[in-house]
Amino acid sequence: GNILLMRTPKNDFAAFNLDDCSYVMYNAKKDS
């Protein structure tokens, strides 16, 4: 839908709301 999940090489991720370009992020542990 309107949520785009993006992940960094270190497995941190952000869920972007494409309606307003806001996001929530999470700093994950290695190999998550």
PDB file of all heavy atoms in Angstrom:
ATOM      1  N   GLY A   1       0.826  -1.203   0.000  1.00  0.00           N
ATOM      2  CA  GLY A   1       0.000   0.000   0.000  1.00  0.00           C
ATOM      3  C   GLY A   1       0.854   1.243   0.000  1.00  0.00           C
ATOM      4  O   GLY A   1       1.713   1.415  -0.865  1.00  0.00           O
ATOM      5  N   ASN A   2       0.662   2.102   0.991  1.00  0.00           N
ATOM      6  CA  ASN A   2       1.423   3.348   1.050  1.00  0.00           C
ATOM      7  C   ASN A   2       2.696   3.246   1.897  1.00  0.00           C
ATOM      8  O   ASN A   2       3.382   4.237   2.092  1.00  0.00           O
ATOM      9  CB  ASN A   2       0.546   4.475   1.593  1.00  0.00           C
ATOM     10  CG  ASN A   2       0.179   4.270   3.046  1.00  0.00           C
ATOM     11  OD1 ASN A   2       0.033   3.147   3.515  1.00  0.00           O
ATOM     12  ND2 ASN A   2       0.013   5.359   3.768  1.00  0.00           N
ATOM     13  N   ILE A   3       3.035   2.060   2.395  1.00  0.00           N
ATOM     14  CA  ILE A   3       4.224   1.883   3.228  1.00  0.00           C
ATOM     15  C   ILE A   3       5.341   1.212   2.415  1.00  0.00           C
ATOM     16  O   ILE A   3       5.143   0.159   1.818  1.00  0.00           O
ATOM     17  CB  ILE A   3       3.915   1.040   4.486  1.00  0.00           C
ATOM     18  CG1 ILE A   3       2.836   1.709   5.326  1.00  0.00           C
ATOM     19  CG2 ILE A   3       5.180   0.820   5.310  1.00  0.00           C
ATOM     20  CD1 ILE A   3       3.200   3.077   5.876  1.00  0.00           C
ATOM     21  N   LEU A   4       6.490   1.870   2.427  1.00  0.00           N
ATOM     22  CA  LEU A   4       7.668   1.379   1.726  1.00  0.00           C
ATOM     23  C   LEU A   4       8.730   1.056   2.767  1.00  0.00           C
ATOM     24  O   LEU A   4       9.157   1.929   3.522  1.00  0.00           O
ATOM     25  CB  LEU A   4       8.174   2.464   0.774  1.00  0.00           C
ATOM     26  CG  LEU A   4       9.371   2.127  -0.091  1.00  0.00           C
ATOM     27  CD1 LEU A   4       8.960   1.144  -1.184  1.00  0.00           C
ATOM     28  CD2 LEU A   4       9.924   3.391  -0.710  1.00  0.00           C
ATOM     29  N   LEU A   5       9.132  -0.203   2.862  1.00  0.00           N
ATOM     30  CA  LEU A   5      10.132  -0.637   3.829  1.00  0.00           C
ATOM     31  C   LEU A   5      11.502  -0.603   3.177  1.00  0.00           C
ATOM     32  O   LEU A   5      11.726  -1.234   2.150  1.00  0.00           O
ATOM     33  CB  LEU A   5       9.818  -2.051   4.322  1.00  0.00           C
ATOM     34  CG  LEU A   5      10.741  -2.614   5.396  1.00  0.00           C
ATOM     35  CD1 LEU A   5      10.635  -1.793   6.677  1.00  0.00           C
ATOM     36  CD2 LEU A   5      10.412  -4.067   5.673  1.00  0.00           C
ATOM     37  N   MET A   6      12.422   0.160   3.785  1.00  0.00           N
ATOM     38  CA  MET A   6      13.778   0.277   3.267  1.00  0.00           C
ATOM     39  C   MET A   6      14.762  -0.218   4.322  1.00  0.00           C
ATOM     40  O   MET A   6      14.553  -0.005   5.510  1.00  0.00           O
ATOM     41  CB  MET A   6      14.081   1.723   2.889  1.00  0.00           C
ATOM     42  CG  MET A   6      13.186   2.213   1.772  1.00  0.00           C
ATOM     43  SD  MET A   6      13.633   3.836   1.181  1.00  0.00           S
ATOM     44  CE  MET A   6      15.160   3.480   0.344  1.00  0.00           C
ATOM     45  N   ARG A   7      15.843  -0.878   3.868  1.00  0.00           N
ATOM     46  CA  ARG A   7      16.823  -1.465   4.783  1.00  0.00           C
ATOM     47  C   ARG A   7      18.232  -1.047   4.393  1.00  0.00           C
ATOM     48  O   ARG A   7      18.585  -1.026   3.220  1.00  0.00           O
ATOM     49  CB  ARG A   7      16.693  -2.981   4.724  1.00  0.00           C
ATOM     50  CG  ARG A   7      17.504  -3.690   5.791  1.00  0.00           C
ATOM     51  CD  ARG A   7      17.168  -5.124   5.828  1.00  0.00           C
ATOM     52  NE  ARG A   7      18.261  -5.857   5.188  1.00  0.00           N
ATOM     53  CZ  ARG A   7      18.250  -7.136   4.952  1.00  0.00           C
ATOM     54  NH1 ARG A   7      17.188  -7.849   5.235  1.00  0.00           N
ATOM     55  NH2 ARG A   7      19.263  -7.717   4.402  1.00  0.00           N
ATOM     56  N   THR A   8      19.044  -0.742   5.410  1.00  0.00           N
ATOM     57  CA  THR A   8      20.440  -0.368   5.183  1.00  0.00           C
ATOM     58  C   THR A   8      21.302  -1.623   5.144  1.00  0.00           C
ATOM     59  O   THR A   8      20.861  -2.701   5.552  1.00  0.00           O
ATOM     60  CB  THR A   8      20.956   0.560   6.311  1.00  0.00           C
ATOM     61  OG1 THR A   8      21.070  -0.206   7.514  1.00  0.00           O
ATOM     62  CG2 THR A   8      20.055   1.753   6.519  1.00  0.00           C
ATOM     63  N   PRO A   9      22.547  -1.499   4.701  1.00  0.00           N
ATOM     64  CA  PRO A   9      23.449  -2.664   4.711  1.00  0.00           C
ATOM     65  C   PRO A   9      23.680  -3.235   6.112  1.00  0.00           C
ATOM     66  O   PRO A   9      23.986  -4.412   6.261  1.00  0.00           O
ATOM     67  CB  PRO A   9      24.748  -2.118   4.123  1.00  0.00           C
ATOM     68  CG  PRO A   9      24.315  -0.974   3.272  1.00  0.00           C
ATOM     69  CD  PRO A   9      23.142  -0.367   3.984  1.00  0.00           C
ATOM     70  N   LYS A  10      23.508  -2.416   7.163  1.00  0.00           N
ATOM     71  CA  LYS A  10      23.683  -2.899   8.542  1.00  0.00           C
ATOM     72  C   LYS A  10      22.358  -3.356   9.161  1.00  0.00           C
ATOM     73  O   LYS A  10      22.255  -3.525  10.365  1.00  0.00           O
ATOM     74  CB  LYS A  10      24.307  -1.806   9.400  1.00  0.00           C
ATOM     75  CG  LYS A  10      25.738  -1.505   9.008  1.00  0.00           C
ATOM     76  CD  LYS A  10      26.355  -0.517   9.951  1.00  0.00           C
ATOM     77  CE  LYS A  10      27.797  -0.272   9.565  1.00  0.00           C
ATOM     78  NZ  LYS A  10      28.454   0.653  10.495  1.00  0.00           N
ATOM     79  N   ASN A  11      21.323  -3.516   8.342  1.00  0.00           N
ATOM     80  CA  ASN A  11      20.004  -4.022   8.739  1.00  0.00           C
ATOM     81  C   ASN A  11      19.149  -3.037   9.529  1.00  0.00           C
ATOM     82  O   ASN A  11      18.124  -3.425  10.076  1.00  0.00           O
ATOM     83  CB  ASN A  11      20.095  -5.357   9.472  1.00  0.00           C
ATOM     84  CG  ASN A  11      20.543  -6.468   8.559  1.00  0.00           C
ATOM     85  OD1 ASN A  11      20.314  -6.413   7.359  1.00  0.00           O
ATOM     86  ND2 ASN A  11      21.184  -7.458   9.102  1.00  0.00           N
ATOM     87  N   ASP A  12      19.547  -1.773   9.649  1.00  0.00           N
ATOM     88  CA  ASP A  12      18.628  -0.770  10.176  1.00  0.00           C
ATOM     89  C   ASP A  12      17.542  -0.602   9.119  1.00  0.00           C
ATOM     90  O   ASP A  12      17.781  -0.832   7.935  1.00  0.00           O
ATOM     91  CB  ASP A  12      19.341   0.566  10.392  1.00  0.00           C
ATOM     92  CG  ASP A  12      20.450   0.474  11.425  1.00  0.00           C
ATOM     93  OD1 ASP A  12      20.404  -0.440  12.261  1.00  0.00           O
ATOM     94  OD2 ASP A  12      21.348   1.325  11.388  1.00  0.00           O
ATOM     95  N   PHE A  13      16.354  -0.208   9.536  1.00  0.00           N
ATOM     96  CA  PHE A  13      15.309  -0.040   8.526  1.00  0.00           C
ATOM     97  C   PHE A  13      14.391   1.114   8.853  1.00  0.00           C
ATOM     98  O   PHE A  13      14.344   1.600   9.978  1.00  0.00           O
ATOM     99  CB  PHE A  13      14.520  -1.337   8.326  1.00  0.00           C
ATOM    100  CG  PHE A  13      13.784  -1.819   9.537  1.00  0.00           C
ATOM    101  CD1 PHE A  13      12.486  -1.416   9.790  1.00  0.00           C
ATOM    102  CD2 PHE A  13      14.388  -2.700  10.425  1.00  0.00           C
ATOM    103  CE1 PHE A  13      11.810  -1.874  10.901  1.00  0.00           C
ATOM    104  CE2 PHE A  13      13.714  -3.163  11.531  1.00  0.00           C
ATOM    105  CZ  PHE A  13      12.425  -2.749  11.772  1.00  0.00           C
ATOM    106  N   ALA A  14      13.697   1.559   7.811  1.00  0.00           N
ATOM    107  CA  ALA A  14      12.734   2.647   7.933  1.00  0.00           C
ATOM    108  C   ALA A  14      11.503   2.286   7.122  1.00  0.00           C
ATOM    109  O   ALA A  14      11.606   1.718   6.033  1.00  0.00           O
ATOM    110  CB  ALA A  14      13.320   3.954   7.430  1.00  0.00           C
ATOM    111  N   ALA A  15      10.333   2.611   7.671  1.00  0.00           N
ATOM    112  CA  ALA A  15       9.058   2.414   6.972  1.00  0.00           C
ATOM    113  C   ALA A  15       8.560   3.789   6.557  1.00  0.00           C
ATOM    114  O   ALA A  15       8.148   4.587   7.390  1.00  0.00           O
ATOM    115  CB  ALA A  15       8.058   1.713   7.881  1.00  0.00           C
ATOM    116  N   PHE A  16       8.641   4.088   5.264  1.00  0.00           N
ATOM    117  CA  PHE A  16       8.213   5.373   4.714  1.00  0.00           C
ATOM    118  C   PHE A  16       6.740   5.343   4.355  1.00  0.00           C
ATOM    119  O   PHE A  16       6.268   4.407   3.719  1.00  0.00           O
ATOM    120  CB  PHE A  16       9.005   5.706   3.442  1.00  0.00           C
ATOM    121  CG  PHE A  16      10.331   6.341   3.701  1.00  0.00           C
ATOM    122  CD1 PHE A  16      11.444   5.581   3.973  1.00  0.00           C
ATOM    123  CD2 PHE A  16      10.472   7.727   3.671  1.00  0.00           C
ATOM    124  CE1 PHE A  16      12.671   6.172   4.208  1.00  0.00           C
ATOM    125  CE2 PHE A  16      11.684   8.324   3.906  1.00  0.00           C
ATOM    126  CZ  PHE A  16      12.794   7.547   4.172  1.00  0.00           C
ATOM    127  N   ASN A  17       6.017   6.384   4.746  1.00  0.00           N
ATOM    128  CA  ASN A  17       4.629   6.578   4.350  1.00  0.00           C
ATOM    129  C   ASN A  17       4.660   7.414   3.073  1.00  0.00           C
ATOM    130  O   ASN A  17       5.054   8.577   3.092  1.00  0.00           O
ATOM    131  CB  ASN A  17       3.867   7.309   5.457  1.00  0.00           C
ATOM    132  CG  ASN A  17       2.413   7.499   5.146  1.00  0.00           C
ATOM    133  OD1 ASN A  17       2.011   7.596   3.985  1.00  0.00           O
ATOM    134  ND2 ASN A  17       1.599   7.568   6.178  1.00  0.00           N
ATOM    135  N   LEU A  18       4.239   6.839   1.961  1.00  0.00           N
ATOM    136  CA  LEU A  18       4.331   7.523   0.674  1.00  0.00           C
ATOM    137  C   LEU A  18       3.267   8.603   0.489  1.00  0.00           C
ATOM    138  O   LEU A  18       3.333   9.353  -0.473  1.00  0.00           O
ATOM    139  CB  LEU A  18       4.262   6.507  -0.469  1.00  0.00           C
ATOM    140  CG  LEU A  18       5.425   5.521  -0.513  1.00  0.00           C
ATOM    141  CD1 LEU A  18       5.242   4.552  -1.674  1.00  0.00           C
ATOM    142  CD2 LEU A  18       6.761   6.235  -0.613  1.00  0.00           C
ATOM    143  N   ASP A  19       2.313   8.704   1.401  1.00  0.00           N
ATOM    144  CA  ASP A  19       1.320   9.774   1.295  1.00  0.00           C
ATOM    145  C   ASP A  19       1.904  11.122   1.714  1.00  0.00           C
ATOM    146  O   ASP A  19       1.569  12.152   1.147  1.00  0.00           O
ATOM    147  CB  ASP A  19       0.084   9.458   2.137  1.00  0.00           C
ATOM    148  CG  ASP A  19      -0.713   8.309   1.551  1.00  0.00           C
ATOM    149  OD1 ASP A  19      -0.757   8.177   0.307  1.00  0.00           O
ATOM    150  OD2 ASP A  19      -1.290   7.538   2.343  1.00  0.00           O
ATOM    151  N   ASP A  20       2.803  11.106   2.716  1.00  0.00           N
ATOM    152  CA  ASP A  20       3.360  12.372   3.205  1.00  0.00           C
ATOM    153  C   ASP A  20       4.877  12.342   3.377  1.00  0.00           C
ATOM    154  O   ASP A  20       5.466  13.297   3.858  1.00  0.00           O
ATOM    155  CB  ASP A  20       2.695  12.773   4.511  1.00  0.00           C
ATOM    156  CG  ASP A  20       2.928  11.767   5.625  1.00  0.00           C
ATOM    157  OD1 ASP A  20       3.704  10.813   5.448  1.00  0.00           O
ATOM    158  OD2 ASP A  20       2.310  11.934   6.692  1.00  0.00           O
ATOM    159  N   CYS A  21       5.520  11.252   2.992  1.00  0.00           N
ATOM    160  CA  CYS A  21       6.979  11.085   3.033  1.00  0.00           C
ATOM    161  C   CYS A  21       7.539  11.049   4.457  1.00  0.00           C
ATOM    162  O   CYS A  21       8.726  11.239   4.659  1.00  0.00           O
ATOM    163  CB  CYS A  21       7.683  12.163   2.206  1.00  0.00           C
ATOM    164  SG  CYS A  21       9.230  11.571   1.490  1.00  0.00           S
ATOM    165  N   SER A  22       6.692  10.811   5.449  1.00  0.00           N
ATOM    166  CA  SER A  22       7.188  10.640   6.811  1.00  0.00           C
ATOM    167  C   SER A  22       7.687   9.205   6.969  1.00  0.00           C
ATOM    168  O   SER A  22       7.377   8.341   6.147  1.00  0.00           O
ATOM    169  CB  SER A  22       6.085  10.930   7.825  1.00  0.00           C
ATOM    170  OG  SER A  22       5.029   9.998   7.675  1.00  0.00           O
ATOM    171  N   TYR A  23       8.459   8.964   8.020  1.00  0.00           N
ATOM    172  CA  TYR A  23       8.914   7.598   8.245  1.00  0.00           C
ATOM    173  C   TYR A  23       9.178   7.349   9.722  1.00  0.00           C
ATOM    174  O   TYR A  23       9.372   8.267  10.501  1.00  0.00           O
ATOM    175  CB  TYR A  23      10.167   7.269   7.421  1.00  0.00           C
ATOM    176  CG  TYR A  23      11.444   7.954   7.839  1.00  0.00           C
ATOM    177  CD1 TYR A  23      12.294   7.387   8.780  1.00  0.00           C
ATOM    178  CD2 TYR A  23      11.820   9.168   7.271  1.00  0.00           C
ATOM    179  CE1 TYR A  23      13.479   8.005   9.146  1.00  0.00           C
ATOM    180  CE2 TYR A  23      13.009   9.790   7.625  1.00  0.00           C
ATOM    181  CZ  TYR A  23      13.828   9.202   8.566  1.00  0.00           C
ATOM    182  OH  TYR A  23      15.000   9.817   8.925  1.00  0.00           O
ATOM    183  N   VAL A  24       9.142   6.073  10.073  1.00  0.00           N
ATOM    184  CA  VAL A  24       9.590   5.615  11.383  1.00  0.00           C
ATOM    185  C   VAL A  24      10.777   4.698  11.121  1.00  0.00           C
ATOM    186  O   VAL A  24      10.820   3.999  10.119  1.00  0.00           O
ATOM    187  CB  VAL A  24       8.483   4.874  12.176  1.00  0.00           C
ATOM    188  CG1 VAL A  24       7.371   5.823  12.554  1.00  0.00           C
ATOM    189  CG2 VAL A  24       7.926   3.709  11.403  1.00  0.00           C
ATOM    190  N   MET A  25      11.757   4.739  12.032  1.00  0.00           N
ATOM    191  CA  MET A  25      12.956   3.942  11.806  1.00  0.00           C
ATOM    192  C   MET A  25      13.292   3.094  13.020  1.00  0.00           C
ATOM    193  O   MET A  25      12.789   3.348  14.116  1.00  0.00           O
ATOM    194  CB  MET A  25      14.135   4.832  11.450  1.00  0.00           C
ATOM    195  CG  MET A  25      14.529   5.822  12.511  1.00  0.00           C
ATOM    196  SD  MET A  25      15.942   6.784  11.996  1.00  0.00           S
ATOM    197  CE  MET A  25      17.176   6.088  13.065  1.00  0.00           C
ATOM    198  N   TYR A  26      14.107   2.103  12.796  1.00  0.00           N
ATOM    199  CA  TYR A  26      14.533   1.199  13.849  1.00  0.00           C
ATOM    200  C   TYR A  26      15.995   0.852  13.605  1.00  0.00           C
ATOM    201  O   TYR A  26      16.356   0.429  12.509  1.00  0.00           O
ATOM    202  CB  TYR A  26      13.670  -0.063  13.825  1.00  0.00           C
ATOM    203  CG  TYR A  26      13.993  -1.053  14.910  1.00  0.00           C
ATOM    204  CD1 TYR A  26      13.612  -0.826  16.220  1.00  0.00           C
ATOM    205  CD2 TYR A  26      14.662  -2.233  14.618  1.00  0.00           C
ATOM    206  CE1 TYR A  26      13.894  -1.744  17.217  1.00  0.00           C
ATOM    207  CE2 TYR A  26      14.942  -3.160  15.613  1.00  0.00           C
ATOM    208  CZ  TYR A  26      14.562  -2.903  16.907  1.00  0.00           C
ATOM    209  OH  TYR A  26      14.845  -3.814  17.891  1.00  0.00           O
ATOM    210  N   ASN A  27      16.828   1.043  14.603  1.00  0.00           N
ATOM    211  CA  ASN A  27      18.234   0.669  14.507  1.00  0.00           C
ATOM    212  C   ASN A  27      18.377  -0.763  15.000  1.00  0.00           C
ATOM    213  O   ASN A  27      18.334  -1.030  16.192  1.00  0.00           O
ATOM    214  CB  ASN A  27      19.105   1.614  15.333  1.00  0.00           C
ATOM    215  CG  ASN A  27      19.113   3.004  14.749  1.00  0.00           C
ATOM    216  OD1 ASN A  27      19.068   3.181  13.538  1.00  0.00           O
ATOM    217  ND2 ASN A  27      19.143   3.998  15.596  1.00  0.00           N
ATOM    218  N   ALA A  28      18.521  -1.667  14.072  1.00  0.00           N
ATOM    219  CA  ALA A  28      18.521  -3.096  14.373  1.00  0.00           C
ATOM    220  C   ALA A  28      19.918  -3.606  14.700  1.00  0.00           C
ATOM    221  O   ALA A  28      20.921  -2.961  14.417  1.00  0.00           O
ATOM    222  CB  ALA A  28      17.967  -3.863  13.179  1.00  0.00           C
ATOM    223  N   LYS A  29      19.945  -4.788  15.268  1.00  0.00           N
ATOM    224  CA  LYS A  29      21.208  -5.463  15.558  1.00  0.00           C
ATOM    225  C   LYS A  29      21.700  -6.165  14.301  1.00  0.00           C
ATOM    226  O   LYS A  29      20.935  -6.460  13.388  1.00  0.00           O
ATOM    227  CB  LYS A  29      21.012  -6.469  16.681  1.00  0.00           C
ATOM    228  CG  LYS A  29      20.703  -5.809  18.010  1.00  0.00           C
ATOM    229  CD  LYS A  29      20.632  -6.819  19.128  1.00  0.00           C
ATOM    230  CE  LYS A  29      20.493  -6.100  20.443  1.00  0.00           C
ATOM    231  NZ  LYS A  29      19.270  -6.375  21.138  1.00  0.00           N
ATOM    232  N   LYS A  30      22.979  -6.434  14.269  1.00  0.00           N
ATOM    233  CA  LYS A  30      23.592  -7.110  13.132  1.00  0.00           C
ATOM    234  C   LYS A  30      22.908  -8.451  12.881  1.00  0.00           C
ATOM    235  O   LYS A  30      22.535  -9.153  13.816  1.00  0.00           O
ATOM    236  CB  LYS A  30      25.081  -7.321  13.413  1.00  0.00           C
ATOM    237  CG  LYS A  30      25.834  -7.906  12.260  1.00  0.00           C
ATOM    238  CD  LYS A  30      27.298  -8.064  12.594  1.00  0.00           C
ATOM    239  CE  LYS A  30      28.020  -8.691  11.428  1.00  0.00           C
ATOM    240  NZ  LYS A  30      29.414  -8.957  11.750  1.00  0.00           N
ATOM    241  N   ASP A  31      22.744  -8.784  11.619  1.00  0.00           N
ATOM    242  CA  ASP A  31      22.156 -10.055  11.168  1.00  0.00           C
ATOM    243  C   ASP A  31      20.677 -10.199  11.517  1.00  0.00           C
ATOM    244  O   ASP A  31      20.160 -11.315  11.544  1.00  0.00           O
ATOM    245  CB  ASP A  31      22.937 -11.255  11.709  1.00  0.00           C
ATOM    246  CG  ASP A  31      24.365 -11.284  11.207  1.00  0.00           C
ATOM    247  OD1 ASP A  31      24.594 -10.834  10.058  1.00  0.00           O
ATOM    248  OD2 ASP A  31      25.250 -11.745  11.949  1.00  0.00           O
ATOM    249  N   SER A  32      19.987  -9.113  11.802  1.00  0.00           N
ATOM    250  CA  SER A  32      18.547  -9.209  12.055  1.00  0.00           C
ATOM    251  C   SER A  32      17.804  -9.271  10.724  1.00  0.00           C
ATOM    252  O   SER A  32      18.356  -8.977   9.665  1.00  0.00           O
ATOM    253  CB  SER A  32      18.073  -7.995  12.861  1.00  0.00           C
ATOM    254  OG  SER A  32      18.148  -6.829  12.077  1.00  0.00           O
TER     255      SER A  32
END
